Amino acid sequence: MTGQQATLYHQAGEQFAPAIARLARAMERDADKARDLEQDIHLELWRSFERFDGKCALKTWVFRVAHNVAADHVGRDARKPATVDIDELDSLTATGEGEVARAETHALQRLHAIIRTLPLLDAQVILLWLEGHSGAEIAEVTGLSSGAVATRLSRLREKLAAQFELPEIDHDR
């Protein structure tokens, strides 16, 4: 353990721990497995800072490591993420107060369920975008070109928006 390694890990934890937790929850539906994934990400971050040479931003390094660990986790389980049946959606709502809070939680859980059905690279791109990363940052983390990121984001946003559109109602019936 080096002093620099500890400093970098501490700094990364302060800045990115909430984003890492959100990534783990988005990639893994089961709460226990999501916590395990989050711990795996933190462990690998700790180890990785021994090799960190500063050639990229700390943020880029953290998200590259986090997304690589998440990809390994998904691949290691060798499973296609389960989709959520329409009848199960009611069971995904939170027990929080108020209709708005439940609706927001329901929408977020539905979004995560949809993201889990995407190919891994698409899930990584959309999750990074939802975290507020720029196209250039997403490209750096994923290894895609900026143009490929822009194209994927456009298609993914369109697909996700379509999942939340209400069907047209025939009022003449």
C-alpha atoms as a PDB file:
ATOM      1  CA  MET A   1       0.000   0.000   0.000  1.00  0.00           C
ATOM      2  CA  THR A   2       1.372   3.377  -0.967  1.00  0.00           C
ATOM      3  CA  GLY A   3       0.407   6.772   0.347  1.00  0.00           C
ATOM      4  CA  GLN A   4      -0.568   7.848  -3.153  1.00  0.00           C
ATOM      5  CA  GLN A   5      -2.776   4.780  -3.540  1.00  0.00           C
ATOM      6  CA  ALA A   6      -4.609   5.590  -0.294  1.00  0.00           C
ATOM      7  CA  THR A   7      -4.965   9.267  -1.221  1.00  0.00           C
ATOM      8  CA  LEU A   8      -6.338   8.469  -4.678  1.00  0.00           C
ATOM      9  CA  TYR A   9      -8.774   5.889  -3.315  1.00  0.00           C
ATOM     10  CA  HIS A  10     -10.006   8.286  -0.645  1.00  0.00           C
ATOM     11  CA  GLN A  11     -10.421  11.065  -3.199  1.00  0.00           C
ATOM     12  CA  ALA A  12     -12.260   8.741  -5.595  1.00  0.00           C
ATOM     13  CA  GLY A  13     -14.536   7.563  -2.803  1.00  0.00           C
ATOM     14  CA  GLU A  14     -15.459  11.091  -1.797  1.00  0.00           C
ATOM     15  CA  GLN A  15     -16.216  12.134  -5.365  1.00  0.00           C
ATOM     16  CA  PHE A  16     -17.670   9.015  -6.966  1.00  0.00           C
ATOM     17  CA  ALA A  17     -19.037   6.602  -4.328  1.00  0.00           C
ATOM     18  CA  PRO A  18     -22.692   7.572  -4.958  1.00  0.00           C
ATOM     19  CA  ALA A  19     -22.258   7.094  -8.727  1.00  0.00           C
ATOM     20  CA  ILE A  20     -20.623   3.707  -8.150  1.00  0.00           C
ATOM     21  CA  ALA A  21     -23.542   2.652  -5.952  1.00  0.00           C
ATOM     22  CA  ARG A  22     -26.025   3.760  -8.621  1.00  0.00           C
ATOM     23  CA  LEU A  23     -24.086   1.858 -11.287  1.00  0.00           C
ATOM     24  CA  ALA A  24     -24.160  -1.310  -9.189  1.00  0.00           C
ATOM     25  CA  ARG A  25     -27.909  -0.993  -8.558  1.00  0.00           C
ATOM     26  CA  ALA A  26     -28.575  -0.336 -12.240  1.00  0.00           C
ATOM     27  CA  MET A  27     -26.539  -3.332 -13.386  1.00  0.00           C
ATOM     28  CA  GLU A  28     -27.783  -5.787 -10.749  1.00  0.00           C
ATOM     29  CA  ARG A  29     -31.444  -6.102  -9.786  1.00  0.00           C
ATOM     30  CA  ASP A  30     -30.851  -8.223  -6.690  1.00  0.00           C
ATOM     31  CA  ALA A  31     -29.945  -5.895  -3.795  1.00  0.00           C
ATOM     32  CA  ASP A  32     -27.403  -8.298  -2.260  1.00  0.00           C
ATOM     33  CA  LYS A  33     -25.680  -8.851  -5.602  1.00  0.00           C
ATOM     34  CA  ALA A  34     -25.670  -5.088  -6.211  1.00  0.00           C
ATOM     35  CA  ARG A  35     -23.888  -4.556  -2.872  1.00  0.00           C
ATOM     36  CA  ASP A  36     -21.400  -7.297  -3.788  1.00  0.00           C
ATOM     37  CA  LEU A  37     -20.782  -5.635  -7.145  1.00  0.00           C
ATOM     38  CA  GLU A  38     -20.281  -2.280  -5.451  1.00  0.00           C
ATOM     39  CA  GLN A  39     -17.728  -3.831  -3.080  1.00  0.00           C
ATOM     40  CA  ASP A  40     -15.979  -5.541  -6.000  1.00  0.00           C
ATOM     41  CA  ILE A  41     -15.722  -2.190  -7.766  1.00  0.00           C
ATOM     42  CA  HIS A  42     -14.225  -0.541  -4.678  1.00  0.00           C
ATOM     43  CA  LEU A  43     -11.755  -3.369  -4.212  1.00  0.00           C
ATOM     44  CA  GLU A  44     -10.619  -3.185  -7.827  1.00  0.00           C
ATOM     45  CA  LEU A  45     -10.359   0.606  -7.611  1.00  0.00           C
ATOM     46  CA  TRP A  46      -8.104   0.229  -4.587  1.00  0.00           C
ATOM     47  CA  ARG A  47      -5.917  -2.244  -6.443  1.00  0.00           C
ATOM     48  CA  SER A  48      -5.908  -0.197  -9.637  1.00  0.00           C
ATOM     49  CA  PHE A  49      -4.541   2.947  -8.027  1.00  0.00           C
ATOM     50  CA  GLU A  50      -1.234   1.160  -7.667  1.00  0.00           C
ATOM     51  CA  ARG A  51      -1.034   1.340 -11.488  1.00  0.00           C
ATOM     52  CA  PHE A  52      -2.591   4.797 -11.955  1.00  0.00           C
ATOM     53  CA  ASP A  53      -0.148   6.958 -13.889  1.00  0.00           C
ATOM     54  CA  GLY A  54      -2.205  10.136 -14.256  1.00  0.00           C
ATOM     55  CA  LYS A  55      -2.385   9.916 -18.060  1.00  0.00           C
ATOM     56  CA  CYS A  56      -6.156  10.348 -17.815  1.00  0.00           C
ATOM     57  CA  ALA A  57      -8.424  12.167 -15.394  1.00  0.00           C
ATOM     58  CA  LEU A  58      -9.240  10.503 -12.077  1.00  0.00           C
ATOM     59  CA  LYS A  59     -12.915  10.520 -13.091  1.00  0.00           C
ATOM     60  CA  THR A  60     -12.145   8.661 -16.321  1.00  0.00           C
ATOM     61  CA  TRP A  61     -10.036   6.091 -14.471  1.00  0.00           C
ATOM     62  CA  VAL A  62     -12.705   5.475 -11.831  1.00  0.00           C
ATOM     63  CA  PHE A  63     -15.494   5.003 -14.351  1.00  0.00           C
ATOM     64  CA  ARG A  64     -13.371   2.844 -16.640  1.00  0.00           C
ATOM     65  CA  VAL A  65     -12.517   0.539 -13.732  1.00  0.00           C
ATOM     66  CA  ALA A  66     -16.104   0.556 -12.441  1.00  0.00           C
ATOM     67  CA  HIS A  67     -17.594  -0.269 -15.819  1.00  0.00           C
ATOM     68  CA  ASN A  68     -15.001  -2.978 -16.491  1.00  0.00           C
ATOM     69  CA  VAL A  69     -15.773  -4.631 -13.161  1.00  0.00           C
ATOM     70  CA  ALA A  70     -19.505  -4.382 -13.885  1.00  0.00           C
ATOM     71  CA  ALA A  71     -18.976  -5.914 -17.333  1.00  0.00           C
ATOM     72  CA  ASP A  72     -16.968  -8.774 -15.809  1.00  0.00           C
ATOM     73  CA  HIS A  73     -19.676  -9.270 -13.191  1.00  0.00           C
ATOM     74  CA  VAL A  74     -22.418  -9.528 -15.788  1.00  0.00           C
ATOM     75  CA  GLY A  75     -20.305 -11.768 -18.021  1.00  0.00           C
ATOM     76  CA  ARG A  76     -19.225 -13.979 -15.139  1.00  0.00           C
ATOM     77  CA  ASP A  77     -22.828 -14.708 -14.258  1.00  0.00           C
ATOM     78  CA  ALA A  78     -23.335 -15.684 -17.930  1.00  0.00           C
ATOM     79  CA  ARG A  79     -26.925 -14.632 -17.872  1.00  0.00           C
ATOM     80  CA  LYS A  80     -29.124 -12.329 -19.808  1.00  0.00           C
ATOM     81  CA  PRO A  81     -30.726  -9.850 -17.410  1.00  0.00           C
ATOM     82  CA  ALA A  82     -34.347 -10.636 -16.754  1.00  0.00           C
ATOM     83  CA  THR A  83     -36.978  -8.303 -18.054  1.00  0.00           C
ATOM     84  CA  VAL A  84     -39.786  -7.050 -15.895  1.00  0.00           C
ATOM     85  CA  ASP A  85     -43.246  -8.204 -16.870  1.00  0.00           C
ATOM     86  CA  ILE A  86     -45.916  -5.530 -16.940  1.00  0.00           C
ATOM     87  CA  ASP A  87     -47.752  -7.313 -14.124  1.00  0.00           C
ATOM     88  CA  GLU A  88     -44.644  -7.075 -11.917  1.00  0.00           C
ATOM     89  CA  LEU A  89     -44.280  -3.316 -12.266  1.00  0.00           C
ATOM     90  CA  ASP A  90     -46.652  -2.610  -9.375  1.00  0.00           C
ATOM     91  CA  SER A  91     -44.450  -4.683  -7.071  1.00  0.00           C
ATOM     92  CA  LEU A  92     -41.453  -2.489  -7.954  1.00  0.00           C
ATOM     93  CA  THR A  93     -42.928   0.669  -6.469  1.00  0.00           C
ATOM     94  CA  ALA A  94     -41.450   2.131  -3.327  1.00  0.00           C
ATOM     95  CA  THR A  95     -43.211   2.347  -0.013  1.00  0.00           C
ATOM     96  CA  GLY A  96     -42.367   6.057   0.287  1.00  0.00           C
ATOM     97  CA  GLU A  97     -44.860   8.777   1.067  1.00  0.00           C
ATOM     98  CA  GLY A  98     -46.887  10.398  -1.643  1.00  0.00           C
ATOM     99  CA  GLU A  99     -47.947   9.520  -5.132  1.00  0.00           C
ATOM    100  CA  VAL A 100     -45.194  11.586  -6.785  1.00  0.00           C
ATOM    101  CA  ALA A 101     -42.432   9.859  -4.821  1.00  0.00           C
ATOM    102  CA  ARG A 102     -43.861   6.442  -5.725  1.00  0.00           C
ATOM    103  CA  ALA A 103     -44.196   7.428  -9.370  1.00  0.00           C
ATOM    104  CA  GLU A 104     -40.595   8.695  -9.512  1.00  0.00           C
ATOM    105  CA  THR A 105     -39.282   5.569  -7.821  1.00  0.00           C
ATOM    106  CA  HIS A 106     -41.391   3.408 -10.108  1.00  0.00           C
ATOM    107  CA  ALA A 107     -40.053   5.197 -13.201  1.00  0.00           C
ATOM    108  CA  LEU A 108     -36.452   4.862 -12.006  1.00  0.00           C
ATOM    109  CA  GLN A 109     -36.857   1.173 -11.244  1.00  0.00           C
ATOM    110  CA  ARG A 110     -38.512   0.646 -14.609  1.00  0.00           C
ATOM    111  CA  LEU A 111     -35.650   2.502 -16.310  1.00  0.00           C
ATOM    112  CA  HIS A 112     -33.083   0.303 -14.531  1.00  0.00           C
ATOM    113  CA  ALA A 113     -35.031  -2.819 -15.529  1.00  0.00           C
ATOM    114  CA  ILE A 114     -34.995  -1.683 -19.154  1.00  0.00           C
ATOM    115  CA  ILE A 115     -31.281  -0.829 -18.997  1.00  0.00           C
ATOM    116  CA  ARG A 116     -30.526  -4.316 -17.650  1.00  0.00           C
ATOM    117  CA  THR A 117     -32.018  -5.768 -20.853  1.00  0.00           C
ATOM    118  CA  LEU A 118     -29.664  -3.748 -23.102  1.00  0.00           C
ATOM    119  CA  PRO A 119     -26.412  -5.112 -24.472  1.00  0.00           C
ATOM    120  CA  LEU A 120     -23.644  -4.334 -21.970  1.00  0.00           C
ATOM    121  CA  LEU A 121     -21.935  -1.604 -23.996  1.00  0.00           C
ATOM    122  CA  ASP A 122     -25.255   0.183 -24.586  1.00  0.00           C
ATOM    123  CA  ALA A 123     -26.056  -0.063 -20.868  1.00  0.00           C
ATOM    124  CA  GLN A 124     -22.664   1.427 -20.008  1.00  0.00           C
ATOM    125  CA  VAL A 125     -23.104   4.294 -22.478  1.00  0.00           C
ATOM    126  CA  ILE A 126     -26.575   5.238 -21.242  1.00  0.00           C
ATOM    127  CA  LEU A 127     -25.615   4.912 -17.571  1.00  0.00           C
ATOM    128  CA  LEU A 128     -22.614   7.186 -18.051  1.00  0.00           C
ATOM    129  CA  TRP A 129     -24.834   9.692 -19.878  1.00  0.00           C
ATOM    130  CA  LEU A 130     -27.414   9.546 -17.087  1.00  0.00           C
ATOM    131  CA  GLU A 131     -24.589  10.293 -14.636  1.00  0.00           C
ATOM    132  CA  GLY A 132     -23.917  13.497 -16.580  1.00  0.00           C
ATOM    133  CA  HIS A 133     -20.783  12.495 -18.462  1.00  0.00           C
ATOM    134  CA  SER A 134     -20.036  14.210 -21.751  1.00  0.00           C
ATOM    135  CA  GLY A 135     -19.789  12.319 -25.027  1.00  0.00           C
ATOM    136  CA  ALA A 136     -16.012  12.733 -24.954  1.00  0.00           C
ATOM    137  CA  GLU A 137     -15.817  11.307 -21.417  1.00  0.00           C
ATOM    138  CA  ILE A 138     -18.043   8.376 -22.384  1.00  0.00           C
ATOM    139  CA  ALA A 139     -15.822   7.730 -25.398  1.00  0.00           C
ATOM    140  CA  GLU A 140     -12.728   7.738 -23.202  1.00  0.00           C
ATOM    141  CA  VAL A 141     -14.247   5.302 -20.705  1.00  0.00           C
ATOM    142  CA  THR A 142     -15.765   2.905 -23.242  1.00  0.00           C
ATOM    143  CA  GLY A 143     -13.145   3.104 -25.987  1.00  0.00           C
ATOM    144  CA  LEU A 144     -15.750   4.110 -28.578  1.00  0.00           C
ATOM    145  CA  SER A 145     -15.216   7.064 -30.889  1.00  0.00           C
ATOM    146  CA  SER A 146     -17.064  10.283 -30.046  1.00  0.00           C
ATOM    147  CA  GLY A 147     -19.188   9.833 -33.161  1.00  0.00           C
ATOM    148  CA  ALA A 148     -20.137   6.291 -32.173  1.00  0.00           C
ATOM    149  CA  VAL A 149     -21.093   7.519 -28.697  1.00  0.00           C
ATOM    150  CA  ALA A 150     -23.273  10.283 -30.157  1.00  0.00           C
ATOM    151  CA  THR A 151     -25.017   7.831 -32.472  1.00  0.00           C
ATOM    152  CA  ARG A 152     -25.582   5.266 -29.699  1.00  0.00           C
ATOM    153  CA  LEU A 153     -26.876   7.910 -27.311  1.00  0.00           C
ATOM    154  CA  SER A 154     -29.325   9.222 -29.866  1.00  0.00           C
ATOM    155  CA  ARG A 155     -30.684   5.739 -30.558  1.00  0.00           C
ATOM    156  CA  LEU A 156     -30.752   4.752 -26.898  1.00  0.00           C
ATOM    157  CA  ARG A 157     -32.544   7.908 -25.767  1.00  0.00           C
ATOM    158  CA  GLU A 158     -35.125   7.357 -28.505  1.00  0.00           C
ATOM    159  CA  LYS A 159     -35.635   3.718 -27.500  1.00  0.00           C
ATOM    160  CA  LEU A 160     -35.912   4.567 -23.807  1.00  0.00           C
ATOM    161  CA  ALA A 161     -38.329   7.420 -24.435  1.00  0.00           C
ATOM    162  CA  ALA A 162     -40.525   5.079 -26.465  1.00  0.00           C
ATOM    163  CA  GLN A 163     -40.712   2.721 -23.464  1.00  0.00           C
ATOM    164  CA  PHE A 164     -42.239   5.497 -21.383  1.00  0.00           C
ATOM    165  CA  GLU A 165     -44.742   6.799 -23.941  1.00  0.00           C
ATOM    166  CA  LEU A 166     -48.371   6.169 -23.220  1.00  0.00           C
ATOM    167  CA  PRO A 167     -50.350   4.318 -25.875  1.00  0.00           C
ATOM    168  CA  GLU A 168     -52.891   6.336 -27.781  1.00  0.00           C
ATOM    169  CA  ILE A 169     -56.403   5.929 -26.421  1.00  0.00           C
ATOM    170  CA  ASP A 170     -59.350   5.643 -28.784  1.00  0.00           C
ATOM    171  CA  HIS A 171     -61.878   7.974 -27.155  1.00  0.00           C
ATOM    172  CA  ASP A 172     -64.601   6.964 -29.652  1.00  0.00           C
ATOM    173  CA  ARG A 173     -65.009   3.514 -28.140  1.00  0.00           C
END
